[in-house]
N, C-alpha and C. Protein backbone atom coordinates (compact mmCIF):
# COMPACT_ATOMS: atom_id res chain seq x y z
N MET A 1 -16.97 2.49 32.53
CA MET A 1 -16.73 3.92 32.76
C MET A 1 -18.04 4.66 32.55
N GLU A 2 -18.15 5.79 33.20
CA GLU A 2 -19.35 6.61 33.12
C GLU A 2 -19.59 7.12 31.71
N ASP A 3 -20.86 7.13 31.29
CA ASP A 3 -21.20 7.63 29.97
C ASP A 3 -21.04 9.14 29.93
N ILE A 4 -21.19 9.70 28.74
CA ILE A 4 -20.96 11.14 28.55
C ILE A 4 -22.25 11.77 28.00
N THR A 5 -22.57 12.96 28.46
CA THR A 5 -23.75 13.67 27.97
C THR A 5 -23.38 14.41 26.69
N VAL A 6 -24.40 14.81 25.94
CA VAL A 6 -24.13 15.55 24.70
C VAL A 6 -23.52 16.92 25.01
N SER A 7 -23.86 17.51 26.14
CA SER A 7 -23.26 18.79 26.52
C SER A 7 -21.77 18.64 26.76
N GLU A 8 -21.39 17.55 27.45
CA GLU A 8 -19.97 17.28 27.67
C GLU A 8 -19.25 17.02 26.36
N LEU A 9 -19.89 16.27 25.46
CA LEU A 9 -19.29 15.99 24.15
C LEU A 9 -19.10 17.28 23.37
N LYS A 10 -20.09 18.14 23.38
CA LYS A 10 -19.99 19.42 22.67
C LYS A 10 -18.79 20.21 23.17
N GLU A 11 -18.59 20.25 24.49
CA GLU A 11 -17.45 20.95 25.07
C GLU A 11 -16.14 20.33 24.60
N ARG A 12 -16.09 18.99 24.55
CA ARG A 12 -14.87 18.30 24.11
C ARG A 12 -14.56 18.64 22.66
N ILE A 13 -15.57 18.63 21.81
CA ILE A 13 -15.36 18.94 20.38
C ILE A 13 -14.90 20.39 20.22
N GLU A 14 -15.56 21.30 20.92
CA GLU A 14 -15.24 22.72 20.80
C GLU A 14 -13.87 23.07 21.38
N SER A 15 -13.38 22.26 22.32
CA SER A 15 -12.08 22.53 22.92
C SER A 15 -10.94 22.36 21.92
N GLY A 16 -11.18 21.53 20.88
CA GLY A 16 -10.16 21.30 19.87
C GLY A 16 -9.10 20.30 20.29
N LYS A 17 -9.16 19.83 21.52
CA LYS A 17 -8.19 18.83 21.98
C LYS A 17 -8.56 17.47 21.40
N PRO A 18 -7.58 16.74 20.87
CA PRO A 18 -7.89 15.44 20.27
C PRO A 18 -8.36 14.41 21.31
N PHE A 19 -9.27 13.56 20.88
CA PHE A 19 -9.72 12.44 21.70
C PHE A 19 -10.17 11.33 20.78
N HIS A 20 -10.26 10.12 21.31
CA HIS A 20 -10.64 8.95 20.51
C HIS A 20 -12.16 8.90 20.44
N PHE A 21 -12.70 9.06 19.22
CA PHE A 21 -14.13 9.25 19.01
C PHE A 21 -14.56 8.33 17.86
N ILE A 22 -15.50 7.44 18.15
CA ILE A 22 -15.96 6.46 17.16
C ILE A 22 -17.46 6.57 16.95
N ASP A 23 -17.86 6.62 15.69
CA ASP A 23 -19.27 6.64 15.28
C ASP A 23 -19.60 5.23 14.78
N VAL A 24 -20.53 4.55 15.44
CA VAL A 24 -20.84 3.16 15.08
C VAL A 24 -22.08 3.04 14.18
N ARG A 25 -22.50 4.15 13.59
CA ARG A 25 -23.61 4.09 12.63
C ARG A 25 -23.12 3.54 11.30
N GLU A 26 -24.07 3.22 10.43
CA GLU A 26 -23.73 2.74 9.09
C GLU A 26 -23.09 3.86 8.29
N GLU A 27 -22.33 3.49 7.27
CA GLU A 27 -21.59 4.46 6.48
C GLU A 27 -22.50 5.54 5.88
N TRP A 28 -23.68 5.16 5.38
CA TRP A 28 -24.58 6.15 4.77
C TRP A 28 -25.09 7.14 5.81
N GLU A 29 -25.29 6.69 7.05
CA GLU A 29 -25.72 7.61 8.11
C GLU A 29 -24.60 8.59 8.44
N TYR A 30 -23.39 8.06 8.48
CA TYR A 30 -22.22 8.87 8.79
C TYR A 30 -22.00 9.94 7.72
N GLU A 31 -22.12 9.55 6.45
CA GLU A 31 -21.92 10.49 5.36
C GLU A 31 -22.96 11.61 5.38
N GLU A 32 -24.17 11.25 5.82
CA GLU A 32 -25.28 12.21 5.87
C GLU A 32 -25.07 13.26 6.96
N ASP A 33 -24.48 12.84 8.08
CA ASP A 33 -24.37 13.73 9.23
C ASP A 33 -23.33 13.17 10.17
N ASN A 34 -22.16 13.83 10.26
CA ASN A 34 -21.14 13.31 11.17
C ASN A 34 -20.53 14.42 12.00
N LEU A 35 -19.96 14.02 13.12
CA LEU A 35 -19.36 14.96 14.07
C LEU A 35 -17.83 14.93 14.03
N GLY A 36 -17.28 14.22 13.04
CA GLY A 36 -15.83 14.14 12.93
C GLY A 36 -15.23 12.90 13.58
N ALA A 37 -16.06 11.98 14.00
CA ALA A 37 -15.57 10.74 14.60
C ALA A 37 -15.09 9.78 13.51
N ASN A 38 -14.33 8.77 13.91
CA ASN A 38 -13.96 7.70 12.99
C ASN A 38 -15.18 6.80 12.83
N ASN A 39 -15.52 6.46 11.61
CA ASN A 39 -16.70 5.63 11.37
C ASN A 39 -16.32 4.15 11.33
N ILE A 40 -16.82 3.40 12.32
CA ILE A 40 -16.69 1.95 12.34
C ILE A 40 -18.08 1.40 12.66
N PRO A 41 -18.87 1.03 11.63
CA PRO A 41 -20.21 0.52 11.90
C PRO A 41 -20.19 -0.63 12.91
N LEU A 42 -21.20 -0.67 13.76
CA LEU A 42 -21.27 -1.66 14.83
C LEU A 42 -21.02 -3.08 14.33
N GLY A 43 -21.60 -3.45 13.19
CA GLY A 43 -21.43 -4.79 12.65
C GLY A 43 -20.01 -5.11 12.23
N GLN A 44 -19.20 -4.07 11.99
CA GLN A 44 -17.81 -4.27 11.58
C GLN A 44 -16.83 -4.15 12.74
N LEU A 45 -17.32 -3.77 13.90
CA LEU A 45 -16.44 -3.54 15.04
C LEU A 45 -15.58 -4.76 15.39
N PRO A 46 -16.14 -5.98 15.43
CA PRO A 46 -15.28 -7.13 15.75
C PRO A 46 -14.10 -7.30 14.79
N GLN A 47 -14.31 -7.03 13.51
CA GLN A 47 -13.24 -7.17 12.53
C GLN A 47 -12.23 -6.02 12.59
N GLN A 48 -12.62 -4.90 13.19
CA GLN A 48 -11.76 -3.72 13.24
C GLN A 48 -11.02 -3.57 14.58
N LEU A 49 -11.17 -4.52 15.47
CA LEU A 49 -10.57 -4.41 16.80
C LEU A 49 -9.06 -4.20 16.77
N THR A 50 -8.38 -4.79 15.81
CA THR A 50 -6.92 -4.66 15.78
C THR A 50 -6.48 -3.21 15.61
N GLN A 51 -7.27 -2.40 14.92
CA GLN A 51 -6.87 -1.00 14.76
C GLN A 51 -7.10 -0.19 16.04
N LEU A 52 -7.78 -0.78 17.03
CA LEU A 52 -8.03 -0.11 18.30
C LEU A 52 -7.17 -0.66 19.44
N ASP A 53 -6.36 -1.66 19.15
CA ASP A 53 -5.59 -2.34 20.19
C ASP A 53 -4.80 -1.41 21.11
N GLY A 54 -4.21 -0.39 20.56
CA GLY A 54 -3.40 0.53 21.36
C GLY A 54 -4.21 1.42 22.28
N LEU A 55 -5.53 1.33 22.20
CA LEU A 55 -6.41 2.21 22.98
C LEU A 55 -7.06 1.53 24.18
N LYS A 56 -6.63 0.32 24.52
CA LYS A 56 -7.31 -0.47 25.56
C LYS A 56 -7.45 0.27 26.88
N ASN A 57 -6.48 1.10 27.24
CA ASN A 57 -6.54 1.82 28.51
C ASN A 57 -6.69 3.32 28.33
N GLN A 58 -7.14 3.72 27.15
CA GLN A 58 -7.37 5.14 26.89
C GLN A 58 -8.88 5.38 26.73
N GLU A 59 -9.29 6.61 26.98
CA GLU A 59 -10.70 6.94 26.84
C GLU A 59 -11.11 6.86 25.37
N ILE A 60 -12.22 6.18 25.14
CA ILE A 60 -12.83 6.09 23.81
C ILE A 60 -14.28 6.52 23.97
N ILE A 61 -14.71 7.47 23.16
CA ILE A 61 -16.11 7.92 23.19
C ILE A 61 -16.79 7.35 21.95
N VAL A 62 -17.91 6.64 22.14
CA VAL A 62 -18.64 6.05 21.02
C VAL A 62 -20.02 6.69 20.93
N HIS A 63 -20.48 6.89 19.70
CA HIS A 63 -21.83 7.44 19.52
C HIS A 63 -22.50 6.82 18.30
N CYS A 64 -23.82 6.99 18.27
CA CYS A 64 -24.63 6.52 17.15
C CYS A 64 -25.81 7.49 17.00
N ARG A 65 -26.89 7.03 16.44
CA ARG A 65 -28.05 7.89 16.23
C ARG A 65 -28.73 8.26 17.55
N SER A 66 -29.01 7.25 18.39
CA SER A 66 -29.78 7.51 19.61
C SER A 66 -29.10 7.05 20.90
N GLY A 67 -28.00 6.35 20.79
CA GLY A 67 -27.30 5.85 21.97
C GLY A 67 -27.43 4.35 22.17
N ALA A 68 -28.30 3.69 21.41
CA ALA A 68 -28.51 2.24 21.58
C ALA A 68 -27.36 1.43 21.00
N ARG A 69 -27.02 1.66 19.74
CA ARG A 69 -25.92 0.91 19.12
C ARG A 69 -24.59 1.21 19.81
N SER A 70 -24.39 2.47 20.18
CA SER A 70 -23.13 2.81 20.85
C SER A 70 -23.09 2.18 22.25
N GLY A 71 -24.24 2.00 22.88
CA GLY A 71 -24.29 1.28 24.15
C GLY A 71 -23.84 -0.17 23.96
N ASN A 72 -24.29 -0.78 22.87
CA ASN A 72 -23.86 -2.15 22.54
C ASN A 72 -22.37 -2.18 22.23
N ALA A 73 -21.89 -1.18 21.51
CA ALA A 73 -20.46 -1.10 21.19
C ALA A 73 -19.64 -0.97 22.47
N LYS A 74 -20.11 -0.16 23.40
CA LYS A 74 -19.42 0.00 24.69
C LYS A 74 -19.31 -1.34 25.39
N GLN A 75 -20.42 -2.06 25.49
CA GLN A 75 -20.41 -3.37 26.15
C GLN A 75 -19.46 -4.33 25.45
N PHE A 76 -19.48 -4.35 24.13
CA PHE A 76 -18.59 -5.22 23.37
C PHE A 76 -17.13 -4.89 23.64
N LEU A 77 -16.79 -3.61 23.55
CA LEU A 77 -15.40 -3.20 23.76
C LEU A 77 -14.94 -3.52 25.18
N GLU A 78 -15.82 -3.30 26.15
CA GLU A 78 -15.46 -3.63 27.53
C GLU A 78 -15.22 -5.13 27.68
N SER A 79 -16.00 -5.94 26.98
CA SER A 79 -15.82 -7.40 27.05
C SER A 79 -14.50 -7.83 26.42
N LYS A 80 -13.91 -6.97 25.59
CA LYS A 80 -12.64 -7.25 24.94
C LYS A 80 -11.46 -6.60 25.66
N GLY A 81 -11.71 -6.07 26.85
CA GLY A 81 -10.63 -5.52 27.66
C GLY A 81 -10.41 -4.02 27.60
N PHE A 82 -11.27 -3.30 26.90
CA PHE A 82 -11.16 -1.84 26.86
C PHE A 82 -11.74 -1.29 28.17
N THR A 83 -10.98 -0.45 28.84
CA THR A 83 -11.34 -0.07 30.21
C THR A 83 -11.98 1.31 30.36
N LYS A 84 -11.91 2.15 29.33
CA LYS A 84 -12.40 3.53 29.47
C LYS A 84 -13.31 3.93 28.32
N VAL A 85 -14.35 3.14 28.08
CA VAL A 85 -15.28 3.42 26.98
C VAL A 85 -16.47 4.20 27.52
N ARG A 86 -16.83 5.26 26.81
CA ARG A 86 -17.96 6.10 27.21
C ARG A 86 -18.95 6.20 26.06
N ASN A 87 -20.22 6.00 26.37
CA ASN A 87 -21.30 6.09 25.39
C ASN A 87 -21.90 7.50 25.45
N VAL A 88 -22.20 8.07 24.29
CA VAL A 88 -22.86 9.38 24.23
C VAL A 88 -24.36 9.15 24.44
N LEU A 89 -24.86 9.62 25.56
CA LEU A 89 -26.27 9.43 25.89
C LEU A 89 -27.16 10.24 24.95
N GLY A 90 -28.07 9.55 24.27
CA GLY A 90 -28.98 10.21 23.34
C GLY A 90 -28.47 10.31 21.92
N GLY A 91 -27.18 10.01 21.73
CA GLY A 91 -26.60 9.99 20.39
C GLY A 91 -26.65 11.31 19.66
N ILE A 92 -26.52 11.20 18.34
CA ILE A 92 -26.46 12.40 17.50
C ILE A 92 -27.79 13.16 17.51
N LEU A 93 -28.90 12.46 17.74
CA LEU A 93 -30.19 13.15 17.82
C LEU A 93 -30.19 14.15 18.97
N ALA A 94 -29.73 13.73 20.13
CA ALA A 94 -29.66 14.62 21.29
C ALA A 94 -28.63 15.72 21.07
N PHE A 95 -27.52 15.37 20.43
CA PHE A 95 -26.48 16.35 20.15
C PHE A 95 -27.02 17.45 19.25
N ARG A 96 -27.70 17.05 18.19
CA ARG A 96 -28.24 18.03 17.25
C ARG A 96 -29.32 18.91 17.89
N SER A 97 -30.05 18.38 18.86
CA SER A 97 -31.08 19.20 19.52
C SER A 97 -30.46 20.31 20.36
N LEU A 98 -29.19 20.18 20.74
CA LEU A 98 -28.48 21.26 21.44
C LEU A 98 -28.33 22.48 20.55
N ALA A 99 -28.15 22.24 19.27
CA ALA A 99 -27.90 23.33 18.33
C ALA A 99 -29.16 24.09 17.94
N GLU A 100 -30.30 23.49 18.23
CA GLU A 100 -31.56 24.13 17.82
C GLU A 100 -31.98 25.22 18.76
């Protein structure tokens, strides 16, 4: 599925409508700065797949610091049968630059 820009993500967050949002950064990064996503560090994603089973055909937006780890998470989830995974291009760094 097509990735998502930080501008699109900002609109989604501001709309207040719920969506499936996963932050694949490490716990300490998440605690330091988060956008309200569920935190599942990339290294723990394989062990946490069962909690995502019901989302295989639903949109899932994944993000990280710069978009690299979330790109890997997207590829992994797609390889496990998830059909609507979107990576946040530029990650939280690009998102935060919108606010400046």
